[in-house]
Amino acid sequence: MLVLSRKVNEQIVIGDNIRITVISIRGNQVRIGFEAPLSVPIFRNELRHEDGHPVLTAGAATAILHPADPSYQIATSEG
């Protein structure tokens, strides 16, 4: 496992087309943003089955997001 330290607005690049950006840090909570091609699914690990497939329930609807998806919305307020 590679472990990196990053500050707000700094990025990590994976391959040629995946970027991870630190959006904010408050206490022990870090908000991160992802930029990736539509072919790369992005979801929270705790919402995956042991076989690696995502758990698709009503509560998991926000776990699989992609900025190019028309249903994707960026939160505009710190909540």
PDB file of N, CA and C in Angstrom:
ATOM      1  N   MET A   1       0.843  -1.172   0.000  1.00  0.00           N
ATOM      2  CA  MET A   1       0.000   0.000   0.000  1.00  0.00           C
ATOM      3  C   MET A   1       0.891   1.239   0.000  1.00  0.00           C
ATOM      4  N   LEU A   2       0.583   2.151  -0.881  1.00  0.00           N
ATOM      5  CA  LEU A   2       1.269   3.433  -0.942  1.00  0.00           C
ATOM      6  C   LEU A   2       0.490   4.418  -0.074  1.00  0.00           C
ATOM      7  N   VAL A   3       1.154   5.103   0.829  1.00  0.00           N
ATOM      8  CA  VAL A   3       0.515   6.084   1.702  1.00  0.00           C
ATOM      9  C   VAL A   3       1.111   7.453   1.393  1.00  0.00           C
ATOM     10  N   LEU A   4       0.253   8.416   1.073  1.00  0.00           N
ATOM     11  CA  LEU A   4       0.690   9.764   0.717  1.00  0.00           C
ATOM     12  C   LEU A   4       0.024  10.783   1.616  1.00  0.00           C
ATOM     13  N   SER A   5       0.704  11.861   1.885  1.00  0.00           N
ATOM     14  CA  SER A   5       0.113  13.001   2.587  1.00  0.00           C
ATOM     15  C   SER A   5      -0.205  14.064   1.547  1.00  0.00           C
ATOM     16  N   ARG A   6      -1.361  14.675   1.640  1.00  0.00           N
ATOM     17  CA  ARG A   6      -1.781  15.716   0.715  1.00  0.00           C
ATOM     18  C   ARG A   6      -2.451  16.824   1.507  1.00  0.00           C
ATOM     19  N   LYS A   7      -2.388  18.031   1.008  1.00  0.00           N
ATOM     20  CA  LYS A   7      -3.069  19.175   1.589  1.00  0.00           C
ATOM     21  C   LYS A   7      -4.265  19.520   0.718  1.00  0.00           C
ATOM     22  N   VAL A   8      -5.133  20.406   1.208  1.00  0.00           N
ATOM     23  CA  VAL A   8      -6.307  20.822   0.450  1.00  0.00           C
ATOM     24  C   VAL A   8      -5.883  21.340  -0.918  1.00  0.00           C
ATOM     25  N   ASN A   9      -6.619  20.932  -1.936  1.00  0.00           N
ATOM     26  CA  ASN A   9      -6.415  21.270  -3.351  1.00  0.00           C
ATOM     27  C   ASN A   9      -5.245  20.542  -3.997  1.00  0.00           C
ATOM     28  N   GLU A  10      -4.553  19.680  -3.283  1.00  0.00           N
ATOM     29  CA  GLU A  10      -3.502  18.875  -3.901  1.00  0.00           C
ATOM     30  C   GLU A  10      -4.121  17.604  -4.467  1.00  0.00           C
ATOM     31  N   GLN A  11      -3.483  17.053  -5.490  1.00  0.00           N
ATOM     32  CA  GLN A  11      -4.036  15.902  -6.201  1.00  0.00           C
ATOM     33  C   GLN A  11      -3.099  14.704  -6.164  1.00  0.00           C
ATOM     34  N   ILE A  12      -3.716  13.566  -6.412  1.00  0.00           N
ATOM     35  CA  ILE A  12      -3.010  12.312  -6.659  1.00  0.00           C
ATOM     36  C   ILE A  12      -3.497  11.845  -8.024  1.00  0.00           C
ATOM     37  N   VAL A  13      -2.596  11.434  -8.892  1.00  0.00           N
ATOM     38  CA  VAL A  13      -2.958  10.978 -10.230  1.00  0.00           C
ATOM     39  C   VAL A  13      -2.673   9.487 -10.326  1.00  0.00           C
ATOM     40  N   ILE A  14      -3.651   8.733 -10.834  1.00  0.00           N
ATOM     41  CA  ILE A  14      -3.511   7.299 -11.034  1.00  0.00           C
ATOM     42  C   ILE A  14      -3.586   7.050 -12.538  1.00  0.00           C
ATOM     43  N   GLY A  15      -2.545   6.472 -13.083  1.00  0.00           N
ATOM     44  CA  GLY A  15      -2.503   6.260 -14.525  1.00  0.00           C
ATOM     45  C   GLY A  15      -2.533   7.596 -15.244  1.00  0.00           C
ATOM     46  N   ASP A  16      -3.153   7.605 -16.421  1.00  0.00           N
ATOM     47  CA  ASP A  16      -3.227   8.823 -17.221  1.00  0.00           C
ATOM     48  C   ASP A  16      -4.547   9.562 -17.065  1.00  0.00           C
ATOM     49  N   ASN A  17      -5.548   8.920 -16.450  1.00  0.00           N
ATOM     50  CA  ASN A  17      -6.871   9.522 -16.534  1.00  0.00           C
ATOM     51  C   ASN A  17      -7.690   9.487 -15.246  1.00  0.00           C
ATOM     52  N   ILE A  18      -7.070   9.260 -14.098  1.00  0.00           N
ATOM     53  CA  ILE A  18      -7.791   9.293 -12.828  1.00  0.00           C
ATOM     54  C   ILE A  18      -7.088  10.276 -11.905  1.00  0.00           C
ATOM     55  N   ARG A  19      -7.860  11.252 -11.408  1.00  0.00           N
ATOM     56  CA  ARG A  19      -7.326  12.253 -10.480  1.00  0.00           C
ATOM     57  C   ARG A  19      -8.151  12.233  -9.202  1.00  0.00           C
ATOM     58  N   ILE A  20      -7.463  12.295  -8.090  1.00  0.00           N
ATOM     59  CA  ILE A  20      -8.099  12.385  -6.783  1.00  0.00           C
ATOM     60  C   ILE A  20      -7.641  13.702  -6.165  1.00  0.00           C
ATOM     61  N   THR A  21      -8.591  14.542  -5.761  1.00  0.00           N
ATOM     62  CA  THR A  21      -8.276  15.853  -5.213  1.00  0.00           C
ATOM     63  C   THR A  21      -8.801  15.955  -3.786  1.00  0.00           C
ATOM     64  N   VAL A  22      -7.976  16.458  -2.877  1.00  0.00           N
ATOM     65  CA  VAL A  22      -8.422  16.728  -1.508  1.00  0.00           C
ATOM     66  C   VAL A  22      -9.218  18.029  -1.551  1.00  0.00           C
ATOM     67  N   ILE A  23     -10.496  17.961  -1.238  1.00  0.00           N
ATOM     68  CA  ILE A  23     -11.394  19.114  -1.305  1.00  0.00           C
ATOM     69  C   ILE A  23     -11.359  19.910  -0.002  1.00  0.00           C
ATOM     70  N   SER A  24     -11.462  19.214   1.124  1.00  0.00           N
ATOM     71  CA  SER A  24     -11.423  19.901   2.414  1.00  0.00           C
ATOM     72  C   SER A  24     -11.042  18.918   3.507  1.00  0.00           C
ATOM     73  N   ILE A  25     -10.579  19.473   4.614  1.00  0.00           N
ATOM     74  CA  ILE A  25     -10.236  18.679   5.793  1.00  0.00           C
ATOM     75  C   ILE A  25     -10.835  19.403   6.990  1.00  0.00           C
ATOM     76  N   ARG A  26     -11.704  18.699   7.737  1.00  0.00           N
ATOM     77  CA  ARG A  26     -12.301  19.247   8.959  1.00  0.00           C
ATOM     78  C   ARG A  26     -12.193  18.198  10.043  1.00  0.00           C
ATOM     79  N   GLY A  27     -11.356  18.449  11.027  1.00  0.00           N
ATOM     80  CA  GLY A  27     -11.177  17.479  12.106  1.00  0.00           C
ATOM     81  C   GLY A  27     -10.662  16.171  11.545  1.00  0.00           C
ATOM     82  N   ASN A  28     -11.407  15.088  11.795  1.00  0.00           N
ATOM     83  CA  ASN A  28     -10.994  13.778  11.298  1.00  0.00           C
ATOM     84  C   ASN A  28     -11.731  13.380  10.025  1.00  0.00           C
ATOM     85  N   GLN A  29     -12.336  14.349   9.343  1.00  0.00           N
ATOM     86  CA  GLN A  29     -13.070  14.066   8.108  1.00  0.00           C
ATOM     87  C   GLN A  29     -12.386  14.738   6.926  1.00  0.00           C
ATOM     88  N   VAL A  30     -12.146  13.952   5.876  1.00  0.00           N
ATOM     89  CA  VAL A  30     -11.517  14.449   4.657  1.00  0.00           C
ATOM     90  C   VAL A  30     -12.510  14.291   3.515  1.00  0.00           C
ATOM     91  N   ARG A  31     -12.757  15.359   2.763  1.00  0.00           N
ATOM     92  CA  ARG A  31     -13.611  15.288   1.574  1.00  0.00           C
ATOM     93  C   ARG A  31     -12.697  15.208   0.371  1.00  0.00           C
ATOM     94  N   ILE A  32     -12.940  14.231  -0.484  1.00  0.00           N
ATOM     95  CA  ILE A  32     -12.119  14.051  -1.665  1.00  0.00           C
ATOM     96  C   ILE A  32     -12.998  14.013  -2.904  1.00  0.00           C
ATOM     97  N   GLY A  33     -12.439  14.477  -4.018  1.00  0.00           N
ATOM     98  CA  GLY A  33     -13.138  14.461  -5.294  1.00  0.00           C
ATOM     99  C   GLY A  33     -12.391  13.564  -6.266  1.00  0.00           C
ATOM    100  N   PHE A  34     -13.141  12.931  -7.157  1.00  0.00           N
ATOM    101  CA  PHE A  34     -12.569  12.005  -8.133  1.00  0.00           C
ATOM    102  C   PHE A  34     -12.923  12.446  -9.539  1.00  0.00           C
ATOM    103  N   GLU A  35     -11.964  12.362 -10.437  1.00  0.00           N
ATOM    104  CA  GLU A  35     -12.188  12.563 -11.868  1.00  0.00           C
ATOM    105  C   GLU A  35     -11.705  11.292 -12.551  1.00  0.00           C
ATOM    106  N   ALA A  36     -12.610  10.651 -13.305  1.00  0.00           N
ATOM    107  CA  ALA A  36     -12.263   9.396 -13.970  1.00  0.00           C
ATOM    108  C   ALA A  36     -13.172   9.202 -15.177  1.00  0.00           C
ATOM    109  N   PRO A  37     -12.751   8.370 -16.125  1.00  0.00           N
ATOM    110  CA  PRO A  37     -13.611   8.071 -17.273  1.00  0.00           C
ATOM    111  C   PRO A  37     -14.885   7.345 -16.827  1.00  0.00           C
ATOM    112  N   LEU A  38     -15.937   7.447 -17.631  1.00  0.00           N
ATOM    113  CA  LEU A  38     -17.190   6.764 -17.310  1.00  0.00           C
ATOM    114  C   LEU A  38     -17.012   5.257 -17.140  1.00  0.00           C
ATOM    115  N   SER A  39     -16.003   4.699 -17.769  1.00  0.00           N
ATOM    116  CA  SER A  39     -15.798   3.251 -17.691  1.00  0.00           C
ATOM    117  C   SER A  39     -15.231   2.811 -16.343  1.00  0.00           C
ATOM    118  N   VAL A  40     -14.869   3.767 -15.482  1.00  0.00           N
ATOM    119  CA  VAL A  40     -14.305   3.443 -14.170  1.00  0.00           C
ATOM    120  C   VAL A  40     -15.369   3.704 -13.103  1.00  0.00           C
ATOM    121  N   PRO A  41     -15.939   2.655 -12.516  1.00  0.00           N
ATOM    122  CA  PRO A  41     -16.930   2.874 -11.457  1.00  0.00           C
ATOM    123  C   PRO A  41     -16.242   3.360 -10.183  1.00  0.00           C
ATOM    124  N   ILE A  42     -16.905   4.269  -9.478  1.00  0.00           N
ATOM    125  CA  ILE A  42     -16.370   4.802  -8.230  1.00  0.00           C
ATOM    126  C   ILE A  42     -17.450   4.639  -7.174  1.00  0.00           C
ATOM    127  N   PHE A  43     -17.160   3.889  -6.121  1.00  0.00           N
ATOM    128  CA  PHE A  43     -18.128   3.742  -5.041  1.00  0.00           C
ATOM    129  C   PHE A  43     -17.426   3.416  -3.735  1.00  0.00           C
ATOM    130  N   ARG A  44     -18.135   3.643  -2.628  1.00  0.00           N
ATOM    131  CA  ARG A  44     -17.578   3.416  -1.297  1.00  0.00           C
ATOM    132  C   ARG A  44     -17.414   1.923  -1.054  1.00  0.00           C
ATOM    133  N   ASN A  45     -16.274   1.551  -0.520  1.00  0.00           N
ATOM    134  CA  ASN A  45     -15.959   0.142  -0.324  1.00  0.00           C
ATOM    135  C   ASN A  45     -16.916  -0.565   0.630  1.00  0.00           C
ATOM    136  N   GLU A  46     -17.416   0.125   1.647  1.00  0.00           N
ATOM    137  CA  GLU A  46     -18.308  -0.541   2.600  1.00  0.00           C
ATOM    138  C   GLU A  46     -19.647  -0.907   1.980  1.00  0.00           C
ATOM    139  N   LEU A  47     -19.909  -0.435   0.772  1.00  0.00           N
ATOM    140  CA  LEU A  47     -21.150  -0.773   0.086  1.00  0.00           C
ATOM    141  C   LEU A  47     -20.925  -1.818  -1.006  1.00  0.00           C
ATOM    142  N   ARG A  48     -19.909  -2.628  -0.825  1.00  0.00           N
ATOM    143  CA  ARG A  48     -19.619  -3.715  -1.771  1.00  0.00           C
ATOM    144  C   ARG A  48     -19.781  -5.051  -1.072  1.00  0.00           C
ATOM    145  N   HIS A  49     -20.237  -6.037  -1.812  1.00  0.00           N
ATOM    146  CA  HIS A  49     -20.274  -7.407  -1.310  1.00  0.00           C
ATOM    147  C   HIS A  49     -18.844  -7.937  -1.235  1.00  0.00           C
ATOM    148  N   GLU A  50     -18.660  -9.047  -0.563  1.00  0.00           N
ATOM    149  CA  GLU A  50     -17.335  -9.652  -0.489  1.00  0.00           C
ATOM    150  C   GLU A  50     -16.803 -10.026  -1.870  1.00  0.00           C
ATOM    151  N   ASP A  51     -17.711 -10.284  -2.833  1.00  0.00           N
ATOM    152  CA  ASP A  51     -17.271 -10.636  -4.184  1.00  0.00           C
ATOM    153  C   ASP A  51     -16.867  -9.405  -5.002  1.00  0.00           C
ATOM    154  N   GLY A  52     -16.987  -8.207  -4.413  1.00  0.00           N
ATOM    155  CA  GLY A  52     -16.564  -6.993  -5.098  1.00  0.00           C
ATOM    156  C   GLY A  52     -17.661  -6.249  -5.827  1.00  0.00           C
ATOM    157  N   HIS A  53     -18.845  -6.845  -5.970  1.00  0.00           N
ATOM    158  CA  HIS A  53     -19.942  -6.176  -6.667  1.00  0.00           C
ATOM    159  C   HIS A  53     -20.634  -5.199  -5.725  1.00  0.00           C
ATOM    160  N   PRO A  54     -21.093  -4.049  -6.239  1.00  0.00           N
ATOM    161  CA  PRO A  54     -21.750  -3.071  -5.368  1.00  0.00           C
ATOM    162  C   PRO A  54     -23.088  -3.570  -4.853  1.00  0.00           C
ATOM    163  N   VAL A  55     -23.416  -3.149  -3.646  1.00  0.00           N
ATOM    164  CA  VAL A  55     -24.724  -3.416  -3.067  1.00  0.00           C
ATOM    165  C   VAL A  55     -25.641  -2.319  -3.584  1.00  0.00           C
ATOM    166  N   LEU A  56     -26.668  -2.673  -4.317  1.00  0.00           N
ATOM    167  CA  LEU A  56     -27.554  -1.663  -4.897  1.00  0.00           C
ATOM    168  C   LEU A  56     -28.872  -1.653  -4.146  1.00  0.00           C
ATOM    169  N   THR A  57     -28.953  -0.809  -3.136  1.00  0.00           N
ATOM    170  CA  THR A  57     -30.176  -0.608  -2.375  1.00  0.00           C
ATOM    171  C   THR A  57     -30.508   0.867  -2.423  1.00  0.00           C
ATOM    172  N   ALA A  58     -31.666   1.233  -1.933  1.00  0.00           N
ATOM    173  CA  ALA A  58     -32.048   2.643  -1.947  1.00  0.00           C
ATOM    174  C   ALA A  58     -31.036   3.486  -1.195  1.00  0.00           C
ATOM    175  N   GLY A  59     -30.482   2.960  -0.106  1.00  0.00           N
ATOM    176  CA  GLY A  59     -29.511   3.705   0.671  1.00  0.00           C
ATOM    177  C   GLY A  59     -28.171   3.830  -0.029  1.00  0.00           C
ATOM    178  N   ALA A  60     -27.914   2.967  -0.971  1.00  0.00           N
ATOM    179  CA  ALA A  60     -26.624   2.987  -1.666  1.00  0.00           C
ATOM    180  C   ALA A  60     -26.663   3.834  -2.924  1.00  0.00           C
ATOM    181  N   ALA A  61     -27.775   4.475  -3.214  1.00  0.00           N
ATOM    182  CA  ALA A  61     -27.903   5.237  -4.459  1.00  0.00           C
ATOM    183  C   ALA A  61     -26.852   6.324  -4.584  1.00  0.00           C
ATOM    184  N   THR A  62     -26.425   6.888  -3.474  1.00  0.00           N
ATOM    185  CA  THR A  62     -25.428   7.952  -3.544  1.00  0.00           C
ATOM    186  C   THR A  62     -24.009   7.415  -3.517  1.00  0.00           C
ATOM    187  N   ALA A  63     -23.852   6.112  -3.437  1.00  0.00           N
ATOM    188  CA  ALA A  63     -22.513   5.536  -3.322  1.00  0.00           C
ATOM    189  C   ALA A  63     -21.824   5.418  -4.663  1.00  0.00           C
ATOM    190  N   ILE A  64     -22.573   5.344  -5.754  1.00  0.00           N
ATOM    191  CA  ILE A  64     -21.987   5.181  -7.078  1.00  0.00           C
ATOM    192  C   ILE A  64     -22.302   6.447  -7.866  1.00  0.00           C
ATOM    193  N   LEU A  65     -21.310   7.293  -8.014  1.00  0.00           N
ATOM    194  CA  LEU A  65     -21.508   8.572  -8.683  1.00  0.00           C
ATOM    195  C   LEU A  65     -20.427   8.799  -9.714  1.00  0.00           C
ATOM    196  N   HIS A  66     -20.761   9.512 -10.724  1.00  0.00           N
ATOM    197  CA  HIS A  66     -19.767   9.895 -11.709  1.00  0.00           C
ATOM    198  C   HIS A  66     -20.161  11.260 -12.246  1.00  0.00           C
ATOM    199  N   PRO A  67     -19.229  12.215 -12.284  1.00  0.00           N
ATOM    200  CA  PRO A  67     -19.567  13.567 -12.714  1.00  0.00           C
ATOM    201  C   PRO A  67     -20.196  13.662 -14.094  1.00  0.00           C
ATOM    202  N   ALA A  68     -19.918  12.747 -14.991  1.00  0.00           N
ATOM    203  CA  ALA A  68     -20.493  12.818 -16.335  1.00  0.00           C
ATOM    204  C   ALA A  68     -21.924  12.273 -16.374  1.00  0.00           C
ATOM    205  N   ASP A  69     -22.364  11.630 -15.311  1.00  0.00           N
ATOM    206  CA  ASP A  69     -23.718  11.098 -15.226  1.00  0.00           C
ATOM    207  C   ASP A  69     -24.679  12.271 -15.000  1.00  0.00           C
ATOM    208  N   PRO A  70     -25.768  12.370 -15.786  1.00  0.00           N
ATOM    209  CA  PRO A  70     -26.698  13.500 -15.641  1.00  0.00           C
ATOM    210  C   PRO A  70     -27.311  13.603 -14.244  1.00  0.00           C
ATOM    211  N   SER A  71     -27.395  12.508 -13.506  1.00  0.00           N
ATOM    212  CA  SER A  71     -27.996  12.551 -12.172  1.00  0.00           C
ATOM    213  C   SER A  71     -27.010  12.994 -11.106  1.00  0.00           C
ATOM    214  N   TYR A  72     -25.742  13.171 -11.471  1.00  0.00           N
ATOM    215  CA  TYR A  72     -24.716  13.586 -10.519  1.00  0.00           C
ATOM    216  C   TYR A  72     -24.901  15.049 -10.175  1.00  0.00           C
ATOM    217  N   GLN A  73     -24.888  15.374  -8.888  1.00  0.00           N
ATOM    218  CA  GLN A  73     -25.005  16.759  -8.459  1.00  0.00           C
ATOM    219  C   GLN A  73     -23.897  17.057  -7.469  1.00  0.00           C
ATOM    220  N   ILE A  74     -23.323  18.219  -7.571  1.00  0.00           N
ATOM    221  CA  ILE A  74     -22.284  18.643  -6.646  1.00  0.00           C
ATOM    222  C   ILE A  74     -22.936  19.432  -5.520  1.00  0.00           C
ATOM    223  N   ALA A  75     -22.641  19.040  -4.274  1.00  0.00           N
ATOM    224  CA  ALA A  75     -23.165  19.771  -3.132  1.00  0.00           C
ATOM    225  C   ALA A  75     -22.545  21.153  -3.098  1.00  0.00           C
ATOM    226  N   THR A  76     -23.374  22.170  -2.938  1.00  0.00           N
ATOM    227  CA  THR A  76     -22.864  23.538  -2.974  1.00  0.00           C
ATOM    228  C   THR A  76     -22.708  24.130  -1.583  1.00  0.00           C
ATOM    229  N   SER A  77     -23.125  23.411  -0.545  1.00  0.00           N
ATOM    230  CA  SER A  77     -22.999  23.941   0.801  1.00  0.00           C
ATOM    231  C   SER A  77     -22.315  22.911   1.685  1.00  0.00           C
ATOM    232  N   GLU A  78     -21.593  23.394   2.658  1.00  0.00           N
ATOM    233  CA  GLU A  78     -20.953  22.506   3.616  1.00  0.00           C
ATOM    234  C   GLU A  78     -22.036  22.018   4.565  1.00  0.00           C
ATOM    235  N   GLY A  79     -22.280  20.692   4.568  1.00  0.00           N
ATOM    236  CA  GLY A  79     -23.387  20.200   5.377  1.00  0.00           C
ATOM    237  C   GLY A  79     -22.998  19.394   6.447  1.00  0.00           C
TER     238      GLY A  79
END
